[in-house]
PDB file of N, CA and C in Angstrom:
ATOM      1  N   MET A   1      39.156 230.954   5.772  1.00  0.00           N
ATOM      2  CA  MET A   1      38.862 230.348   7.013  1.00  0.00           C
ATOM      3  C   MET A   1      40.003 229.432   7.616  1.00  0.00           C
ATOM      4  N   PRO A   2      40.494 229.738   8.845  1.00  0.00           N
ATOM      5  CA  PRO A   2      41.644 228.938   9.265  1.00  0.00           C
ATOM      6  C   PRO A   2      41.279 227.589   9.486  1.00  0.00           C
ATOM      7  N   ARG A   3      42.308 226.768   9.421  1.00  0.00           N
ATOM      8  CA  ARG A   3      42.125 225.421   9.859  1.00  0.00           C
ATOM      9  C   ARG A   3      42.571 225.137  11.144  1.00  0.00           C
ATOM     10  N   LEU A   4      41.866 224.613  12.200  1.00  0.00           N
ATOM     11  CA  LEU A   4      42.369 224.381  13.511  1.00  0.00           C
ATOM     12  C   LEU A   4      42.751 223.034  13.877  1.00  0.00           C
ATOM     13  N   PHE A   5      43.896 222.887  14.360  1.00  0.00           N
ATOM     14  CA  PHE A   5      44.426 221.541  14.741  1.00  0.00           C
ATOM     15  C   PHE A   5      44.611 221.524  16.286  1.00  0.00           C
ATOM     16  N   LEU A   6      44.333 220.453  16.994  1.00  0.00           N
ATOM     17  CA  LEU A   6      44.493 220.218  18.401  1.00  0.00           C
ATOM     18  C   LEU A   6      45.574 219.190  18.414  1.00  0.00           C
ATOM     19  N   ILE A   7      46.742 219.499  18.848  1.00  0.00           N
ATOM     20  CA  ILE A   7      47.772 218.626  19.004  1.00  0.00           C
ATOM     21  C   ILE A   7      48.123 218.378  20.518  1.00  0.00           C
ATOM     22  N   GLY A   8      47.695 217.450  21.320  1.00  0.00           N
ATOM     23  CA  GLY A   8      47.773 217.445  22.594  1.00  0.00           C
ATOM     24  C   GLY A   8      47.059 218.675  23.235  1.00  0.00           C
ATOM     25  N   CYS A   9      47.659 219.327  23.924  1.00  0.00           N
ATOM     26  CA  CYS A   9      46.974 220.605  24.519  1.00  0.00           C
ATOM     27  C   CYS A   9      47.481 221.699  23.731  1.00  0.00           C
ATOM     28  N   VAL A  10      47.960 221.573  22.483  1.00  0.00           N
ATOM     29  CA  VAL A  10      48.335 222.937  21.833  1.00  0.00           C
ATOM     30  C   VAL A  10      47.412 223.017  20.603  1.00  0.00           C
ATOM     31  N   TRP A  11      46.853 224.146  20.498  1.00  0.00           N
ATOM     32  CA  TRP A  11      46.164 224.622  19.294  1.00  0.00           C
ATOM     33  C   TRP A  11      47.018 225.286  18.365  1.00  0.00           C
ATOM     34  N   LEU A  12      46.868 224.824  17.116  1.00  0.00           N
ATOM     35  CA  LEU A  12      47.588 225.508  16.139  1.00  0.00           C
ATOM     36  C   LEU A  12      46.594 225.802  15.097  1.00  0.00           C
ATOM     37  N   ALA A  13      46.555 227.054  14.482  1.00  0.00           N
ATOM     38  CA  ALA A  13      45.601 227.451  13.375  1.00  0.00           C
ATOM     39  C   ALA A  13      46.458 228.003  12.176  1.00  0.00           C
ATOM     40  N   ALA A  14      45.907 227.701  11.085  1.00  0.00           N
ATOM     41  CA  ALA A  14      46.651 228.223   9.914  1.00  0.00           C
ATOM     42  C   ALA A  14      45.609 228.806   8.857  1.00  0.00           C
ATOM     43  N   SER A  15      45.833 229.831   8.350  1.00  0.00           N
ATOM     44  CA  SER A  15      45.004 230.180   7.229  1.00  0.00           C
ATOM     45  C   SER A  15      45.349 229.339   6.094  1.00  0.00           C
ATOM     46  N   THR A  16      44.692 229.432   5.070  1.00  0.00           N
ATOM     47  CA  THR A  16      44.918 228.541   3.937  1.00  0.00           C
ATOM     48  C   THR A  16      46.371 228.929   3.264  1.00  0.00           C
ATOM     49  N   ALA A  17      46.652 230.206   3.090  1.00  0.00           N
ATOM     50  CA  ALA A  17      47.907 230.852   2.790  1.00  0.00           C
ATOM     51  C   ALA A  17      48.978 230.298   3.551  1.00  0.00           C
ATOM     52  N   ALA A  18      48.798 230.511   4.989  1.00  0.00           N
ATOM     53  CA  ALA A  18      49.884 230.174   5.872  1.00  0.00           C
ATOM     54  C   ALA A  18      50.112 228.655   5.848  1.00  0.00           C
ATOM     55  N   TRP A  19      48.930 227.913   5.913  1.00  0.00           N
ATOM     56  CA  TRP A  19      49.086 226.504   5.936  1.00  0.00           C
ATOM     57  C   TRP A  19      49.953 226.068   4.674  1.00  0.00           C
ATOM     58  N   ALA A  20      49.645 226.576   3.533  1.00  0.00           N
ATOM     59  CA  ALA A  20      50.290 226.241   2.329  1.00  0.00           C
ATOM     60  C   ALA A  20      51.657 226.328   2.485  1.00  0.00           C
ATOM     61  N   GLN A  21      52.168 227.315   3.280  1.00  0.00           N
ATOM     62  CA  GLN A  21      53.624 227.604   3.449  1.00  0.00           C
ATOM     63  C   GLN A  21      54.201 226.889   4.594  1.00  0.00           C
ATOM     64  N   GLY A  22      53.316 226.097   5.215  1.00  0.00           N
ATOM     65  CA  GLY A  22      53.719 225.477   6.472  1.00  0.00           C
ATOM     66  C   GLY A  22      53.713 226.242   7.752  1.00  0.00           C
ATOM     67  N   GLU A  23      53.093 227.332   7.579  1.00  0.00           N
ATOM     68  CA  GLU A  23      53.079 228.424   8.891  1.00  0.00           C
ATOM     69  C   GLU A  23      51.825 228.282   9.736  1.00  0.00           C
ATOM     70  N   ALA A  24      51.953 228.219  10.925  1.00  0.00           N
ATOM     71  CA  ALA A  24      50.575 228.462  11.715  1.00  0.00           C
ATOM     72  C   ALA A  24      50.212 229.880  11.842  1.00  0.00           C
ATOM     73  N   LEU A  25      49.081 230.299  12.010  1.00  0.00           N
ATOM     74  CA  LEU A  25      48.711 231.584  12.369  1.00  0.00           C
ATOM     75  C   LEU A  25      49.042 231.918  13.844  1.00  0.00           C
ATOM     76  N   TYR A  26      48.751 230.898  14.811  1.00  0.00           N
ATOM     77  CA  TYR A  26      49.131 231.138  16.120  1.00  0.00           C
ATOM     78  C   TYR A  26      49.249 229.809  16.692  1.00  0.00           C
ATOM     79  N   LYS A  27      49.860 229.809  17.910  1.00  0.00           N
ATOM     80  CA  LYS A  27      50.240 228.809  18.773  1.00  0.00           C
ATOM     81  C   LYS A  27      49.776 228.933  20.114  1.00  0.00           C
ATOM     82  N   VAL A  28      48.758 228.283  20.680  1.00  0.00           N
ATOM     83  CA  VAL A  28      48.324 228.394  21.896  1.00  0.00           C
ATOM     84  C   VAL A  28      48.413 227.054  22.762  1.00  0.00           C
ATOM     85  N   VAL A  29      48.929 227.091  24.071  1.00  0.00           N
ATOM     86  CA  VAL A  29      49.176 225.913  24.920  1.00  0.00           C
ATOM     87  C   VAL A  29      48.392 226.326  26.350  1.00  0.00           C
ATOM     88  N   ASP A  30      47.497 225.285  26.562  1.00  0.00           N
ATOM     89  CA  ASP A  30      46.896 225.348  27.770  1.00  0.00           C
ATOM     90  C   ASP A  30      45.810 226.589  27.787  1.00  0.00           C
ATOM     91  N   GLY A  31      45.294 226.990  26.694  1.00  0.00           N
ATOM     92  CA  GLY A  31      44.278 227.989  26.681  1.00  0.00           C
ATOM     93  C   GLY A  31      44.860 229.422  26.933  1.00  0.00           C
ATOM     94  N   HIS A  32      45.982 229.645  27.279  1.00  0.00           N
ATOM     95  CA  HIS A  32      46.336 231.018  27.621  1.00  0.00           C
ATOM     96  C   HIS A  32      47.899 231.311  27.408  1.00  0.00           C
ATOM     97  N   LYS A  33      48.696 230.450  27.043  1.00  0.00           N
ATOM     98  CA  LYS A  33      49.967 230.673  26.712  1.00  0.00           C
ATOM     99  C   LYS A  33      50.206 230.591  25.248  1.00  0.00           C
ATOM    100  N   VAL A  34      50.823 231.767  24.766  1.00  0.00           N
ATOM    101  CA  VAL A  34      50.874 232.047  23.330  1.00  0.00           C
ATOM    102  C   VAL A  34      52.155 232.179  22.716  1.00  0.00           C
ATOM    103  N   ASP A  35      52.246 232.227  21.478  1.00  0.00           N
ATOM    104  CA  ASP A  35      53.572 232.404  20.806  1.00  0.00           C
ATOM    105  C   ASP A  35      53.924 233.957  20.856  1.00  0.00           C
ATOM    106  N   ALA A  36      55.001 234.300  20.537  1.00  0.00           N
ATOM    107  CA  ALA A  36      55.531 235.668  20.542  1.00  0.00           C
ATOM    108  C   ALA A  36      54.702 236.680  19.788  1.00  0.00           C
ATOM    109  N   GLU A  37      54.286 236.158  18.617  1.00  0.00           N
ATOM    110  CA  GLU A  37      53.656 237.205  17.530  1.00  0.00           C
ATOM    111  C   GLU A  37      52.151 237.351  18.142  1.00  0.00           C
ATOM    112  N   THR A  38      51.535 236.339  18.792  1.00  0.00           N
ATOM    113  CA  THR A  38      50.232 236.637  19.366  1.00  0.00           C
ATOM    114  C   THR A  38      50.211 237.367  20.659  1.00  0.00           C
ATOM    115  N   MET A  39      51.335 237.143  21.231  1.00  0.00           N
ATOM    116  CA  MET A  39      51.573 238.017  22.542  1.00  0.00           C
ATOM    117  C   MET A  39      51.652 239.520  22.147  1.00  0.00           C
ATOM    118  N   LYS A  40      52.303 240.012  20.964  1.00  0.00           N
ATOM    119  CA  LYS A  40      52.299 241.282  20.567  1.00  0.00           C
ATOM    120  C   LYS A  40      50.982 241.706  20.256  1.00  0.00           C
ATOM    121  N   GLY A  41      50.198 240.875  19.814  1.00  0.00           N
ATOM    122  CA  GLY A  41      48.745 241.422  19.367  1.00  0.00           C
ATOM    123  C   GLY A  41      47.901 241.515  20.834  1.00  0.00           C
ATOM    124  N   PHE A  42      48.118 240.907  21.674  1.00  0.00           N
ATOM    125  CA  PHE A  42      47.551 241.103  23.114  1.00  0.00           C
ATOM    126  C   PHE A  42      48.126 242.515  23.725  1.00  0.00           C
ATOM    127  N   ARG A  43      49.340 242.702  23.421  1.00  0.00           N
ATOM    128  CA  ARG A  43      49.933 243.942  24.024  1.00  0.00           C
ATOM    129  C   ARG A  43      49.265 245.125  23.318  1.00  0.00           C
ATOM    130  N   ALA A  44      49.113 244.868  21.911  1.00  0.00           N
ATOM    131  CA  ALA A  44      48.615 246.003  21.157  1.00  0.00           C
ATOM    132  C   ALA A  44      47.166 246.261  21.466  1.00  0.00           C
ATOM    133  N   TRP A  45      46.327 245.217  21.825  1.00  0.00           N
ATOM    134  CA  TRP A  45      45.028 245.261  22.420  1.00  0.00           C
ATOM    135  C   TRP A  45      44.977 246.088  23.688  1.00  0.00           C
ATOM    136  N   ARG A  46      45.920 245.838  24.558  1.00  0.00           N
ATOM    137  CA  ARG A  46      45.886 246.553  25.929  1.00  0.00           C
ATOM    138  C   ARG A  46      46.440 247.927  25.709  1.00  0.00           C
ATOM    139  N   SER A  47      47.411 248.297  24.822  1.00  0.00           N
ATOM    140  CA  SER A  47      47.887 249.547  24.654  1.00  0.00           C
ATOM    141  C   SER A  47      46.929 250.455  23.909  1.00  0.00           C
ATOM    142  N   ALA A  48      45.918 249.862  23.139  1.00  0.00           N
ATOM    143  CA  ALA A  48      44.960 250.756  22.399  1.00  0.00           C
ATOM    144  C   ALA A  48      43.817 250.890  23.394  1.00  0.00           C
ATOM    145  N   ALA A  49      43.757 250.254  24.455  1.00  0.00           N
ATOM    146  CA  ALA A  49      42.622 250.210  25.394  1.00  0.00           C
ATOM    147  C   ALA A  49      41.318 249.864  24.685  1.00  0.00           C
ATOM    148  N   CYS A  50      41.251 248.854  23.910  1.00  0.00           N
ATOM    149  CA  CYS A  50      40.087 248.415  23.078  1.00  0.00           C
ATOM    150  C   CYS A  50      38.995 247.914  23.990  1.00  0.00           C
ATOM    151  N   ASP A  51      39.456 247.378  25.158  1.00  0.00           N
ATOM    152  CA  ASP A  51      38.549 246.953  26.142  1.00  0.00           C
ATOM    153  C   ASP A  51      37.524 247.954  26.738  1.00  0.00           C
ATOM    154  N   ARG A  52      37.857 249.220  26.491  1.00  0.00           N
ATOM    155  CA  ARG A  52      36.769 250.270  26.964  1.00  0.00           C
ATOM    156  C   ARG A  52      35.594 250.159  26.242  1.00  0.00           C
ATOM    157  N   CYS A  53      35.543 249.750  24.979  1.00  0.00           N
ATOM    158  CA  CYS A  53      34.376 249.519  24.112  1.00  0.00           C
ATOM    159  C   CYS A  53      33.912 247.974  23.950  1.00  0.00           C
ATOM    160  N   HIS A  54      34.942 247.281  23.597  1.00  0.00           N
ATOM    161  CA  HIS A  54      34.610 245.832  23.416  1.00  0.00           C
ATOM    162  C   HIS A  54      34.639 244.848  24.538  1.00  0.00           C
ATOM    163  N   GLY A  55      34.951 245.438  25.850  1.00  0.00           N
ATOM    164  CA  GLY A  55      34.864 244.573  27.031  1.00  0.00           C
ATOM    165  C   GLY A  55      36.432 243.928  27.201  1.00  0.00           C
ATOM    166  N   ALA A  56      36.571 243.716  28.509  1.00  0.00           N
ATOM    167  CA  ALA A  56      37.852 243.061  28.992  1.00  0.00           C
ATOM    168  C   ALA A  56      37.996 241.676  28.277  1.00  0.00           C
ATOM    169  N   ASN A  57      36.851 241.016  27.963  1.00  0.00           N
ATOM    170  CA  ASN A  57      36.941 239.689  27.375  1.00  0.00           C
ATOM    171  C   ASN A  57      36.561 239.663  25.984  1.00  0.00           C
ATOM    172  N   GLN A  58      36.559 240.891  25.346  1.00  0.00           N
ATOM    173  CA  GLN A  58      36.216 240.988  23.953  1.00  0.00           C
ATOM    174  C   GLN A  58      34.709 240.546  23.553  1.00  0.00           C
ATOM    175  N   GLU A  59      33.917 240.531  24.460  1.00  0.00           N
ATOM    176  CA  GLU A  59      32.497 240.019  24.380  1.00  0.00           C
ATOM    177  C   GLU A  59      31.571 241.011  23.951  1.00  0.00           C
ATOM    178  N   GLY A  60      32.185 242.297  23.945  1.00  0.00           N
ATOM    179  CA  GLY A  60      31.227 243.426  23.714  1.00  0.00           C
ATOM    180  C   GLY A  60      30.679 244.120  24.914  1.00  0.00           C
ATOM    181  N   MET A  61      30.497 245.479  24.587  1.00  0.00           N
ATOM    182  CA  MET A  61      29.978 246.531  25.666  1.00  0.00           C
ATOM    183  C   MET A  61      29.340 247.523  24.738  1.00  0.00           C
ATOM    184  N   VAL A  62      29.915 248.568  24.663  1.00  0.00           N
ATOM    185  CA  VAL A  62      29.311 249.788  23.669  1.00  0.00           C
ATOM    186  C   VAL A  62      29.670 249.206  22.324  1.00  0.00           C
ATOM    187  N   GLY A  63      30.794 248.582  22.083  1.00  0.00           N
ATOM    188  CA  GLY A  63      31.127 248.155  20.784  1.00  0.00           C
ATOM    189  C   GLY A  63      30.821 246.664  20.761  1.00  0.00           C
ATOM    190  N   PRO A  64      30.667 246.124  19.498  1.00  0.00           N
ATOM    191  CA  PRO A  64      30.374 244.630  19.442  1.00  0.00           C
ATOM    192  C   PRO A  64      31.215 243.558  20.032  1.00  0.00           C
ATOM    193  N   SER A  65      30.781 242.416  20.065  1.00  0.00           N
ATOM    194  CA  SER A  65      31.695 241.309  20.503  1.00  0.00           C
ATOM    195  C   SER A  65      32.701 240.981  19.366  1.00  0.00           C
ATOM    196  N   LEU A  66      34.009 241.178  19.692  1.00  0.00           N
ATOM    197  CA  LEU A  66      34.877 240.771  18.747  1.00  0.00           C
ATOM    198  C   LEU A  66      35.095 239.184  18.707  1.00  0.00           C
ATOM    199  N   ILE A  67      34.645 238.449  19.659  1.00  0.00           N
ATOM    200  CA  ILE A  67      34.503 237.069  19.690  1.00  0.00           C
ATOM    201  C   ILE A  67      33.575 236.669  18.431  1.00  0.00           C
ATOM    202  N   ASN A  68      32.577 237.272  18.278  1.00  0.00           N
ATOM    203  CA  ASN A  68      31.587 236.986  17.181  1.00  0.00           C
ATOM    204  C   ASN A  68      31.990 237.587  16.057  1.00  0.00           C
ATOM    205  N   SER A  69      32.482 238.752  15.850  1.00  0.00           N
ATOM    206  CA  SER A  69      32.870 239.487  14.720  1.00  0.00           C
ATOM    207  C   SER A  69      33.988 238.748  14.094  1.00  0.00           C
ATOM    208  N   LEU A  70      35.039 238.269  14.656  1.00  0.00           N
ATOM    209  CA  LEU A  70      36.139 237.730  14.112  1.00  0.00           C
ATOM    210  C   LEU A  70      35.891 236.149  13.500  1.00  0.00           C
ATOM    211  N   LYS A  71      34.634 235.726  13.723  1.00  0.00           N
ATOM    212  CA  LYS A  71      34.241 234.518  13.078  1.00  0.00           C
ATOM    213  C   LYS A  71      34.082 234.640  11.627  1.00  0.00           C
ATOM    214  N   THR A  72      33.650 235.907  11.232  1.00  0.00           N
ATOM    215  CA  THR A  72      33.407 236.266   9.794  1.00  0.00           C
ATOM    216  C   THR A  72      34.206 237.385   9.293  1.00  0.00           C
ATOM    217  N   LEU A  73      34.768 238.057   9.975  1.00  0.00           N
ATOM    218  CA  LEU A  73      35.615 239.272   9.322  1.00  0.00           C
ATOM    219  C   LEU A  73      36.917 238.761   9.048  1.00  0.00           C
ATOM    220  N   SER A  74      37.303 239.010   7.734  1.00  0.00           N
ATOM    221  CA  SER A  74      38.483 238.726   7.016  1.00  0.00           C
ATOM    222  C   SER A  74      39.486 239.633   7.539  1.00  0.00           C
ATOM    223  N   ARG A  75      40.773 239.154   7.320  1.00  0.00           N
ATOM    224  CA  ARG A  75      42.039 240.003   7.715  1.00  0.00           C
ATOM    225  C   ARG A  75      41.968 241.291   6.970  1.00  0.00           C
ATOM    226  N   GLN A  76      41.540 241.532   5.857  1.00  0.00           N
ATOM    227  CA  GLN A  76      41.412 242.627   4.989  1.00  0.00           C
ATOM    228  C   GLN A  76      40.368 243.373   5.616  1.00  0.00           C
ATOM    229  N   GLU A  77      39.173 242.943   5.842  1.00  0.00           N
ATOM    230  CA  GLU A  77      38.106 243.703   6.500  1.00  0.00           C
ATOM    231  C   GLU A  77      38.452 244.452   7.745  1.00  0.00           C
ATOM    232  N   PHE A  78      39.221 243.502   8.442  1.00  0.00           N
ATOM    233  CA  PHE A  78      39.706 243.956   9.895  1.00  0.00           C
ATOM    234  C   PHE A  78      40.802 245.255   9.806  1.00  0.00           C
ATOM    235  N   ALA A  79      41.626 245.082   8.698  1.00  0.00           N
ATOM    236  CA  ALA A  79      42.630 246.114   8.414  1.00  0.00           C
ATOM    237  C   ALA A  79      41.972 247.343   8.183  1.00  0.00           C
ATOM    238  N   LYS A  80      40.994 247.290   7.232  1.00  0.00           N
ATOM    239  CA  LYS A  80      40.353 248.489   6.822  1.00  0.00           C
ATOM    240  C   LYS A  80      39.579 249.227   8.040  1.00  0.00           C
ATOM    241  N   ILE A  81      38.818 248.463   8.692  1.00  0.00           N
ATOM    242  CA  ILE A  81      38.115 249.040   9.961  1.00  0.00           C
ATOM    243  C   ILE A  81      39.222 249.676  10.878  1.00  0.00           C
ATOM    244  N   MET A  82      40.256 248.963  11.205  1.00  0.00           N
ATOM    245  CA  MET A  82      41.344 249.548  12.025  1.00  0.00           C
ATOM    246  C   MET A  82      41.765 250.892  11.515  1.00  0.00           C
ATOM    247  N   ALA A  83      42.097 250.821  10.210  1.00  0.00           N
ATOM    248  CA  ALA A  83      42.669 252.017   9.495  1.00  0.00           C
ATOM    249  C   ALA A  83      41.766 253.178   9.532  1.00  0.00           C
ATOM    250  N   GLU A  84      40.486 252.882   9.012  1.00  0.00           N
ATOM    251  CA  GLU A  84      39.452 253.939   8.727  1.00  0.00           C
ATOM    252  C   GLU A  84      38.536 254.012   9.738  1.00  0.00           C
ATOM    253  N   GLY A  85      38.307 253.163  10.751  1.00  0.00           N
ATOM    254  CA  GLY A  85      37.400 253.240  11.859  1.00  0.00           C
ATOM    255  C   GLY A  85      35.921 253.155  11.253  1.00  0.00           C
ATOM    256  N   ARG A  86      34.910 253.265  12.084  1.00  0.00           N
ATOM    257  CA  ARG A  86      33.522 253.210  11.676  1.00  0.00           C
ATOM    258  C   ARG A  86      32.835 254.398  12.501  1.00  0.00           C
ATOM    259  N   PRO A  87      33.208 255.596  12.001  1.00  0.00           N
ATOM    260  CA  PRO A  87      32.616 256.749  12.758  1.00  0.00           C
ATOM    261  C   PRO A  87      31.124 256.756  12.959  1.00  0.00           C
ATOM    262  N   ASP A  88      30.409 256.212  12.205  1.00  0.00           N
ATOM    263  CA  ASP A  88      28.860 256.191  12.270  1.00  0.00           C
ATOM    264  C   ASP A  88      28.525 255.253  13.491  1.00  0.00           C
ATOM    265  N   LYS A  89      29.468 254.406  13.824  1.00  0.00           N
ATOM    266  CA  LYS A  89      29.125 253.367  14.996  1.00  0.00           C
ATOM    267  C   LYS A  89      30.100 253.809  16.188  1.00  0.00           C
ATOM    268  N   GLY A  90      30.889 254.853  16.247  1.00  0.00           N
ATOM    269  CA  GLY A  90      31.636 255.385  17.320  1.00  0.00           C
ATOM    270  C   GLY A  90      32.902 254.636  17.215  1.00  0.00           C
ATOM    271  N   MET A  91      33.500 253.802  16.271  1.00  0.00           N
ATOM    272  CA  MET A  91      34.586 253.229  16.305  1.00  0.00           C
ATOM    273  C   MET A  91      35.743 254.234  15.791  1.00  0.00           C
ATOM    274  N   PRO A  92      36.848 254.674  16.469  1.00  0.00           N
ATOM    275  CA  PRO A  92      37.813 255.507  16.091  1.00  0.00           C
ATOM    276  C   PRO A  92      38.570 254.797  15.065  1.00  0.00           C
ATOM    277  N   ASN A  93      39.455 255.571  14.212  1.00  0.00           N
ATOM    278  CA  ASN A  93      40.420 255.063  13.495  1.00  0.00           C
ATOM    279  C   ASN A  93      41.713 254.953  14.064  1.00  0.00           C
ATOM    280  N   PHE A  94      42.486 254.033  13.716  1.00  0.00           N
ATOM    281  CA  PHE A  94      43.865 253.920  14.399  1.00  0.00           C
ATOM    282  C   PHE A  94      44.919 254.068  13.360  1.00  0.00           C
ATOM    283  N   ALA A  95      44.733 254.717  12.179  1.00  0.00           N
ATOM    284  CA  ALA A  95      45.617 255.004  11.200  1.00  0.00           C
ATOM    285  C   ALA A  95      46.878 255.860  11.829  1.00  0.00           C
ATOM    286  N   GLY A  96      46.753 256.570  12.692  1.00  0.00           N
ATOM    287  CA  GLY A  96      47.736 257.362  13.366  1.00  0.00           C
ATOM    288  C   GLY A  96      48.458 256.686  14.437  1.00  0.00           C
ATOM    289  N   SER A  97      48.090 255.604  14.831  1.00  0.00           N
ATOM    290  CA  SER A  97      48.620 254.814  16.047  1.00  0.00           C
ATOM    291  C   SER A  97      49.636 253.967  15.601  1.00  0.00           C
ATOM    292  N   PRO A  98      50.829 254.025  15.550  1.00  0.00           N
ATOM    293  CA  PRO A  98      51.985 253.056  15.242  1.00  0.00           C
ATOM    294  C   PRO A  98      51.849 251.960  16.075  1.00  0.00           C
ATOM    295  N   GLY A  99      51.573 251.953  17.390  1.00  0.00           N
ATOM    296  CA  GLY A  99      51.456 250.732  18.203  1.00  0.00           C
ATOM    297  C   GLY A  99      50.396 249.756  17.685  1.00  0.00           C
ATOM    298  N   VAL A 100      49.249 250.232  17.095  1.00  0.00           N
ATOM    299  CA  VAL A 100      48.382 249.273  16.681  1.00  0.00           C
ATOM    300  C   VAL A 100      48.636 248.929  15.120  1.00  0.00           C
ATOM    301  N   MET A 101      48.939 250.139  14.215  1.00  0.00           N
ATOM    302  CA  MET A 101      49.174 249.726  12.861  1.00  0.00           C
ATOM    303  C   MET A 101      50.374 248.829  12.510  1.00  0.00           C
ATOM    304  N   ASN A 102      51.417 249.094  13.284  1.00  0.00           N
ATOM    305  CA  ASN A 102      52.610 248.163  13.326  1.00  0.00           C
ATOM    306  C   ASN A 102      52.480 246.791  13.892  1.00  0.00           C
ATOM    307  N   ASN A 103      51.378 246.586  14.570  1.00  0.00           N
ATOM    308  CA  ASN A 103      51.064 245.184  14.885  1.00  0.00           C
ATOM    309  C   ASN A 103      49.690 244.668  14.645  1.00  0.00           C
ATOM    310  N   LEU A 104      49.196 245.136  13.435  1.00  0.00           N
ATOM    311  CA  LEU A 104      47.893 244.866  12.911  1.00  0.00           C
ATOM    312  C   LEU A 104      47.775 243.304  12.879  1.00  0.00           C
ATOM    313  N   ASP A 105      48.683 242.605  12.223  1.00  0.00           N
ATOM    314  CA  ASP A 105      48.618 241.142  11.904  1.00  0.00           C
ATOM    315  C   ASP A 105      48.672 240.497  13.319  1.00  0.00           C
ATOM    316  N   GLN A 106      49.310 240.852  14.169  1.00  0.00           N
ATOM    317  CA  GLN A 106      49.442 240.318  15.438  1.00  0.00           C
ATOM    318  C   GLN A 106      48.184 240.406  16.304  1.00  0.00           C
ATOM    319  N   LEU A 107      47.590 241.723  16.259  1.00  0.00           N
ATOM    320  CA  LEU A 107      46.313 241.977  16.770  1.00  0.00           C
ATOM    321  C   LEU A 107      45.201 241.097  16.235  1.00  0.00           C
ATOM    322  N   TYR A 108      45.170 241.073  14.973  1.00  0.00           N
ATOM    323  CA  TYR A 108      44.087 240.183  14.245  1.00  0.00           C
ATOM    324  C   TYR A 108      44.212 238.737  14.676  1.00  0.00           C
ATOM    325  N   THR A 109      45.553 238.285  14.889  1.00  0.00           N
ATOM    326  CA  THR A 109      45.873 236.937  15.264  1.00  0.00           C
ATOM    327  C   THR A 109      45.326 236.592  16.606  1.00  0.00           C
ATOM    328  N   TYR A 110      45.666 237.506  17.539  1.00  0.00           N
ATOM    329  CA  TYR A 110      45.306 237.482  18.928  1.00  0.00           C
ATOM    330  C   TYR A 110      43.661 237.299  19.061  1.00  0.00           C
ATOM    331  N   LEU A 111      43.076 238.216  18.396  1.00  0.00           N
ATOM    332  CA  LEU A 111      41.627 238.164  18.345  1.00  0.00           C
ATOM    333  C   LEU A 111      40.876 237.004  17.761  1.00  0.00           C
ATOM    334  N   LYS A 112      41.610 236.419  16.583  1.00  0.00           N
ATOM    335  CA  LYS A 112      41.184 235.422  15.791  1.00  0.00           C
ATOM    336  C   LYS A 112      41.403 234.166  16.790  1.00  0.00           C
ATOM    337  N   ALA A 113      42.414 234.077  17.555  1.00  0.00           N
ATOM    338  CA  ALA A 113      42.580 232.971  18.413  1.00  0.00           C
ATOM    339  C   ALA A 113      41.584 232.923  19.590  1.00  0.00           C
ATOM    340  N   ARG A 114      41.168 234.019  20.029  1.00  0.00           N
ATOM    341  CA  ARG A 114      40.008 234.265  20.992  1.00  0.00           C
ATOM    342  C   ARG A 114      38.683 233.881  20.448  1.00  0.00           C
ATOM    343  N   SER A 115      38.563 234.332  19.054  1.00  0.00           N
ATOM    344  CA  SER A 115      37.134 233.907  18.513  1.00  0.00           C
ATOM    345  C   SER A 115      37.038 232.512  18.144  1.00  0.00           C
ATOM    346  N   ASP A 116      38.197 231.864  17.844  1.00  0.00           N
ATOM    347  CA  ASP A 116      38.350 230.448  17.491  1.00  0.00           C
ATOM    348  C   ASP A 116      38.124 229.490  18.748  1.00  0.00           C
ATOM    349  N   GLY A 117      38.501 230.139  19.889  1.00  0.00           N
ATOM    350  CA  GLY A 117      38.204 229.502  21.066  1.00  0.00           C
ATOM    351  C   GLY A 117      39.587 228.754  21.527  1.00  0.00           C
ATOM    352  N   ALA A 118      40.633 229.006  20.818  1.00  0.00           N
ATOM    353  CA  ALA A 118      41.951 228.505  21.349  1.00  0.00           C
ATOM    354  C   ALA A 118      42.545 229.118  22.541  1.00  0.00           C
ATOM    355  N   ILE A 119      42.220 230.464  22.583  1.00  0.00           N
ATOM    356  CA  ILE A 119      42.575 231.280  23.837  1.00  0.00           C
ATOM    357  C   ILE A 119      41.349 231.335  24.673  1.00  0.00           C
ATOM    358  N   LYS A 120      41.397 230.758  25.780  1.00  0.00           N
ATOM    359  CA  LYS A 120      40.257 230.581  26.683  1.00  0.00           C
ATOM    360  C   LYS A 120      39.829 231.728  27.651  1.00  0.00           C
ATOM    361  N   GLN A 121      40.862 232.636  27.785  1.00  0.00           N
ATOM    362  CA  GLN A 121      40.718 233.931  28.411  1.00  0.00           C
ATOM    363  C   GLN A 121      41.496 235.042  27.923  1.00  0.00           C
ATOM    364  N   ALA A 122      40.921 236.272  28.271  1.00  0.00           N
ATOM    365  CA  ALA A 122      41.378 237.421  27.558  1.00  0.00           C
ATOM    366  C   ALA A 122      42.908 237.630  27.843  1.00  0.00           C
ATOM    367  N   LYS A 123      43.425 237.492  29.062  1.00  0.00           N
ATOM    368  CA  LYS A 123      44.759 237.688  29.399  1.00  0.00           C
ATOM    369  C   LYS A 123      45.510 236.396  29.060  1.00  0.00           C
ATOM    370  N   VAL A 124      46.706 236.763  28.478  1.00  0.00           N
ATOM    371  CA  VAL A 124      47.543 235.548  27.983  1.00  0.00           C
ATOM    372  C   VAL A 124      49.045 235.887  28.560  1.00  0.00           C
ATOM    373  N   GLU A 125      49.741 234.797  28.558  1.00  0.00           N
ATOM    374  CA  GLU A 125      51.070 234.942  28.864  1.00  0.00           C
ATOM    375  C   GLU A 125      51.939 234.355  27.774  1.00  0.00           C
ATOM    376  N   PRO A 126      53.223 234.688  27.613  1.00  0.00           N
ATOM    377  CA  PRO A 126      54.051 234.102  26.627  1.00  0.00           C
ATOM    378  C   PRO A 126      54.407 232.681  26.931  1.00  0.00           C
ATOM    379  N   LEU A 127      54.611 231.921  25.764  1.00  0.00           N
ATOM    380  CA  LEU A 127      55.181 230.625  25.880  1.00  0.00           C
ATOM    381  C   LEU A 127      56.629 230.751  26.273  1.00  0.00           C
ATOM    382  N   PRO A 128      57.008 229.634  27.258  1.00  0.00           N
ATOM    383  CA  PRO A 128      58.534 229.770  27.538  1.00  0.00           C
ATOM    384  C   PRO A 128      59.364 229.612  26.483  1.00  0.00           C
TER     385      PRO A 128
END
C-alpha cells in the first residue's frame, strides 16, 4: 500500500519498496500536472483506448471502475491482467502491445494516482 504525502499542493506517493529507496511512485501538482513517468502512463492509457471499456474518467462502463480496482489491485496482479487479459469478462490481453507492455509500470502509476485521488481529472499535463 503506498504512503501518500501532501506537501503544499504536491502529492507524492511511495510504495513501501520505493519509499525505502527514497523514490516517489508519482508526483502530482495541482491535481493534474504530473511527472514524466506518470505522463507516459497517461499516454499508454490513451493509445490503448482503455476508455472504451473503463470510461474516459476510469470510473467504469462495460469494464469495471479502475478508480475502485486500483485501491486493492497489486502491481503484480495488474501486470498479470494486462498480459493475460480476462477473456471471461471481455478484457483483452495486451501481451502483444509494446506500447502498453513497455509502459506497464507507468500505466499502473497513472491509474494508481487516479485511484489514490492525487490526480483529480483523467486528462493530465506534464510538469514544467
